[in-house]
Amino acid sequence: MKYTIDAATMEERKKRAAKIIALLHKLYPEAHVSLNARTPWELLVAVVLSAQCTDKKVNEVTATLFKKYKTFESYLRARPADLEREIRPTGFYKNKAKNILAAARMVAKTFHGEVPQTMEALVAIPGVGRKTANIILESAYGIVEGIAVDTHVRRLARLWGLTYENDPEKIEQDLMVLVPRKAWRGLSLRIIAYGREYCPAKAHDHAQCPVSKLKV
């Protein structure tokens, strides 16, 4: 069932969002992606590997991976079995390797070896959805087209009453309505940092979380 929001409720949610954003800025004045990468292509690879995997584990894997595959062109020559072996610790390694190699071929053929800088082009690449595209655009190119929704953002946006949706793209649309465009930059990174430090998915006392203490 599709829910509807009246004007008064929308205004209340916008005020709540504004207070939460102000707190997140205070807690995390500097927001940076925690995945290690030297180039937009390496960032794309790292974000693909981060699906159902911690950033810490991804960084451990890419520390070796990026030494073996030093250039974008090296992925075009990579054998699937070799890449699978390198990325196995991140989980779902067969599908991730398949997407990375397919992405490399498309970037080479369609975008002349350069990771594109538009949402439309990025989401056409195998293994790249809006979350990955948003991260690449913001972190690699400084372009803000939306709000990346990962598991932390999905969970906390629902917990805070900013959305009732489950689908990441619908959650992103809700957040883009509630949050002024100037505040989109770094928002997902701050929410992720907050989730890791104060409000993890495991059972805990939510009353002790900073956002719970806000009068919203």
Protein backbone atom coordinates (compact mmCIF):
# COMPACT_ATOMS: atom_id res chain seq x y z
CA MET A 1 0.00 0.00 0.00
CA LYS A 2 1.33 3.43 -0.95
CA TYR A 3 1.32 5.86 1.94
CA THR A 4 0.43 9.53 1.55
CA ILE A 5 1.77 12.48 3.50
CA ASP A 6 -0.23 15.61 4.22
CA ALA A 7 1.42 19.04 4.25
CA ALA A 8 1.58 19.27 8.05
CA THR A 9 3.24 15.88 8.39
CA MET A 10 5.71 16.70 5.60
CA GLU A 11 6.68 19.94 7.34
CA GLU A 12 7.18 18.08 10.61
CA ARG A 13 9.41 15.51 8.90
CA LYS A 14 11.44 18.25 7.22
CA LYS A 15 12.04 19.89 10.62
CA ARG A 16 13.07 16.52 12.07
CA ALA A 17 15.42 15.92 9.17
CA ALA A 18 16.98 19.38 9.61
CA LYS A 19 17.72 18.74 13.30
CA ILE A 20 19.20 15.33 12.56
CA ILE A 21 21.38 16.75 9.79
CA ALA A 22 22.63 19.53 12.09
CA LEU A 23 23.60 16.94 14.71
CA LEU A 24 25.34 14.74 12.12
CA HIS A 25 27.35 17.75 10.90
CA LYS A 26 28.38 18.46 14.49
CA LEU A 27 29.39 14.85 15.10
CA TYR A 28 31.13 14.42 11.72
CA PRO A 29 32.21 17.79 10.29
CA GLU A 30 34.39 16.04 7.72
CA ALA A 31 32.75 13.31 5.68
CA HIS A 32 34.91 11.07 3.51
CA VAL A 33 34.33 7.71 1.88
CA SER A 34 36.22 5.06 3.86
CA LEU A 35 37.07 2.91 0.85
CA ASN A 36 40.66 3.28 -0.36
CA ALA A 37 41.04 4.08 -4.06
CA ARG A 38 43.40 6.14 -6.20
CA THR A 39 41.22 6.56 -9.27
CA PRO A 40 37.51 6.66 -10.19
CA TRP A 41 37.88 3.14 -11.64
CA GLU A 42 39.39 1.78 -8.43
CA LEU A 43 36.58 3.43 -6.48
CA LEU A 44 34.04 1.72 -8.73
CA VAL A 45 35.73 -1.63 -8.07
CA ALA A 46 35.85 -0.99 -4.33
CA VAL A 47 32.17 -0.03 -4.12
CA VAL A 48 31.16 -3.13 -6.09
CA LEU A 49 33.18 -5.24 -3.67
CA SER A 50 31.59 -3.52 -0.66
CA ALA A 51 28.17 -5.09 -1.31
CA GLN A 52 27.40 -7.35 1.68
CA CYS A 53 30.92 -6.72 2.97
CA THR A 54 32.54 -4.32 5.42
CA ASP A 55 34.68 -1.45 4.17
CA LYS A 56 37.49 -2.70 6.40
CA LYS A 57 37.54 -6.08 4.64
CA VAL A 58 37.30 -4.43 1.21
CA ASN A 59 40.31 -2.24 2.01
CA GLU A 60 42.26 -5.31 3.09
CA VAL A 61 41.44 -7.03 -0.21
CA THR A 62 42.08 -4.02 -2.44
CA ALA A 63 45.43 -3.36 -0.77
CA THR A 64 46.62 -6.46 -2.63
CA LEU A 65 44.26 -6.29 -5.59
CA PHE A 66 45.28 -2.79 -6.64
CA LYS A 67 48.94 -3.77 -6.53
CA LYS A 68 48.30 -6.69 -8.86
CA TYR A 69 45.99 -4.76 -11.19
CA LYS A 70 47.75 -1.42 -11.29
CA THR A 71 45.96 0.07 -14.30
CA PHE A 72 42.47 0.05 -15.73
CA GLU A 73 43.78 -1.84 -18.77
CA SER A 74 45.00 -4.69 -16.56
CA TYR A 75 41.37 -5.55 -15.77
CA LEU A 76 40.71 -5.99 -19.47
CA ARG A 77 43.38 -8.69 -19.53
CA ALA A 78 42.35 -10.31 -16.25
CA ARG A 79 41.20 -13.92 -16.15
CA PRO A 80 37.94 -14.43 -14.25
CA ALA A 81 39.39 -17.19 -12.08
CA ASP A 82 42.33 -15.01 -11.04
CA LEU A 83 40.11 -12.07 -10.13
CA GLU A 84 37.71 -14.34 -8.24
CA ARG A 85 40.59 -15.66 -6.17
CA GLU A 86 41.76 -12.14 -5.27
CA ILE A 87 38.34 -10.88 -4.19
CA ARG A 88 36.98 -14.08 -2.61
CA PRO A 89 37.12 -12.74 1.00
CA THR A 90 34.53 -10.06 0.12
CA GLY A 91 31.83 -12.68 -0.54
CA PHE A 92 29.68 -13.24 -3.63
CA TYR A 93 33.01 -13.17 -5.46
CA LYS A 94 31.89 -14.89 -8.64
CA ASN A 95 29.14 -12.37 -9.35
CA LYS A 96 31.34 -9.46 -8.28
CA ALA A 97 34.17 -10.59 -10.57
CA LYS A 98 31.70 -11.00 -13.43
CA ASN A 99 30.36 -7.47 -12.93
CA ILE A 100 33.80 -5.90 -12.57
CA LEU A 101 35.09 -7.47 -15.77
CA ALA A 102 31.88 -6.62 -17.66
CA ALA A 103 32.12 -3.06 -16.33
CA ALA A 104 35.73 -2.80 -17.52
CA ARG A 105 34.76 -3.91 -21.02
CA MET A 106 31.91 -1.41 -21.18
CA VAL A 107 33.99 1.47 -19.81
CA ALA A 108 36.65 0.68 -22.41
CA LYS A 109 34.26 0.32 -25.32
CA THR A 110 31.63 2.95 -24.56
CA PHE A 111 33.48 5.51 -22.45
CA HIS A 112 37.01 5.28 -23.90
CA GLY A 113 38.46 3.92 -20.66
CA GLU A 114 37.18 6.72 -18.45
CA VAL A 115 34.55 6.20 -15.74
CA PRO A 116 31.70 8.51 -16.82
CA GLN A 117 30.55 11.51 -14.82
CA THR A 118 26.77 11.31 -15.21
CA MET A 119 24.19 9.27 -13.35
CA GLU A 120 22.59 8.04 -16.57
CA ALA A 121 25.86 6.70 -17.93
CA LEU A 122 27.02 5.16 -14.66
CA VAL A 123 23.87 3.15 -13.96
CA ALA A 124 24.17 1.61 -17.43
CA ILE A 125 27.41 -0.08 -16.33
CA PRO A 126 27.10 -3.70 -15.08
CA GLY A 127 27.05 -3.88 -11.29
CA VAL A 128 26.44 -0.14 -10.85
CA GLY A 129 23.18 1.05 -9.33
CA ARG A 130 22.24 4.47 -7.99
CA LYS A 131 24.06 3.90 -4.69
CA THR A 132 27.34 3.11 -6.40
CA ALA A 133 26.84 5.89 -8.94
CA ASN A 134 26.14 8.45 -6.21
CA ILE A 135 29.30 7.46 -4.35
CA ILE A 136 31.45 7.67 -7.48
CA LEU A 137 30.01 11.00 -8.59
CA GLU A 138 30.41 12.64 -5.19
CA SER A 139 33.69 11.11 -4.01
CA ALA A 140 35.55 10.94 -7.32
CA TYR A 141 34.17 13.95 -9.18
CA GLY A 142 32.57 16.20 -6.56
CA ILE A 143 29.20 15.92 -8.31
CA VAL A 144 26.09 15.54 -6.15
CA GLU A 145 23.12 14.04 -7.98
CA GLY A 146 21.40 12.31 -5.08
CA ILE A 147 21.88 10.52 -1.76
CA ALA A 148 23.53 7.10 -1.65
CA VAL A 149 21.35 4.62 0.25
CA ASP A 150 23.22 1.69 1.75
CA THR A 151 22.05 -0.61 4.55
CA HIS A 152 22.88 1.95 7.28
CA VAL A 153 21.05 4.76 5.50
CA ARG A 154 18.06 2.52 4.80
CA ARG A 155 17.85 1.32 8.40
CA LEU A 156 18.32 4.69 10.09
CA ALA A 157 16.12 6.69 7.72
CA ARG A 158 13.30 4.30 8.60
CA LEU A 159 14.14 4.33 12.31
CA TRP A 160 14.07 8.14 12.35
CA GLY A 161 10.72 8.25 10.59
CA LEU A 162 12.09 9.92 7.47
CA THR A 163 10.69 7.20 5.22
CA TYR A 164 8.46 4.15 5.36
CA GLU A 165 9.84 2.66 2.15
CA ASN A 166 12.02 -0.43 1.84
CA ASP A 167 13.33 0.02 -1.69
CA PRO A 168 16.62 2.02 -1.70
CA GLU A 169 15.63 4.16 -4.69
CA LYS A 170 12.30 5.08 -3.08
CA ILE A 171 14.09 5.88 0.17
CA GLU A 172 16.47 8.12 -1.76
CA GLN A 173 13.52 9.93 -3.35
CA ASP A 174 11.96 10.50 0.08
CA LEU A 175 15.22 11.88 1.47
CA MET A 176 15.72 14.13 -1.54
CA VAL A 177 12.31 15.68 -0.83
CA LEU A 178 12.95 16.15 2.89
CA VAL A 179 16.55 17.35 2.70
CA PRO A 180 17.58 20.59 0.97
CA ARG A 181 19.86 19.90 -2.00
CA LYS A 182 22.74 21.82 -0.38
CA ALA A 183 22.72 19.25 2.44
CA TRP A 184 22.89 16.16 0.21
CA ARG A 185 26.69 16.25 0.00
CA GLY A 186 28.19 13.93 2.60
CA LEU A 187 24.83 13.07 4.17
CA SER A 188 24.99 9.33 3.52
CA LEU A 189 28.60 9.21 4.73
CA ARG A 190 27.61 10.91 7.99
CA ILE A 191 24.66 8.57 8.49
CA ILE A 192 26.93 5.57 7.86
CA ALA A 193 29.49 6.87 10.37
CA TYR A 194 26.72 7.44 12.92
CA GLY A 195 25.35 3.94 12.39
CA ARG A 196 28.74 2.39 12.95
CA GLU A 197 29.61 4.45 16.04
CA TYR A 198 26.32 5.02 17.83
CA CYS A 199 23.47 3.02 16.34
CA PRO A 200 24.52 -0.36 14.89
CA ALA A 201 22.08 -2.92 13.57
CA LYS A 202 22.65 -5.23 16.53
CA ALA A 203 20.32 -4.88 19.51
CA HIS A 204 21.13 -1.93 21.78
CA ASP A 205 19.47 0.81 23.82
CA HIS A 206 18.29 3.35 21.23
CA ALA A 207 17.54 5.81 24.03
CA GLN A 208 21.29 6.32 24.41
CA CYS A 209 21.78 7.25 20.74
CA PRO A 210 22.33 11.00 20.19
CA VAL A 211 19.48 11.36 17.68
CA SER A 212 17.05 9.84 20.18
CA LYS A 213 17.88 12.65 22.59
CA LEU A 214 16.89 15.34 20.08
CA LYS A 215 13.55 17.04 20.56
CA VAL A 216 12.13 16.19 17.16
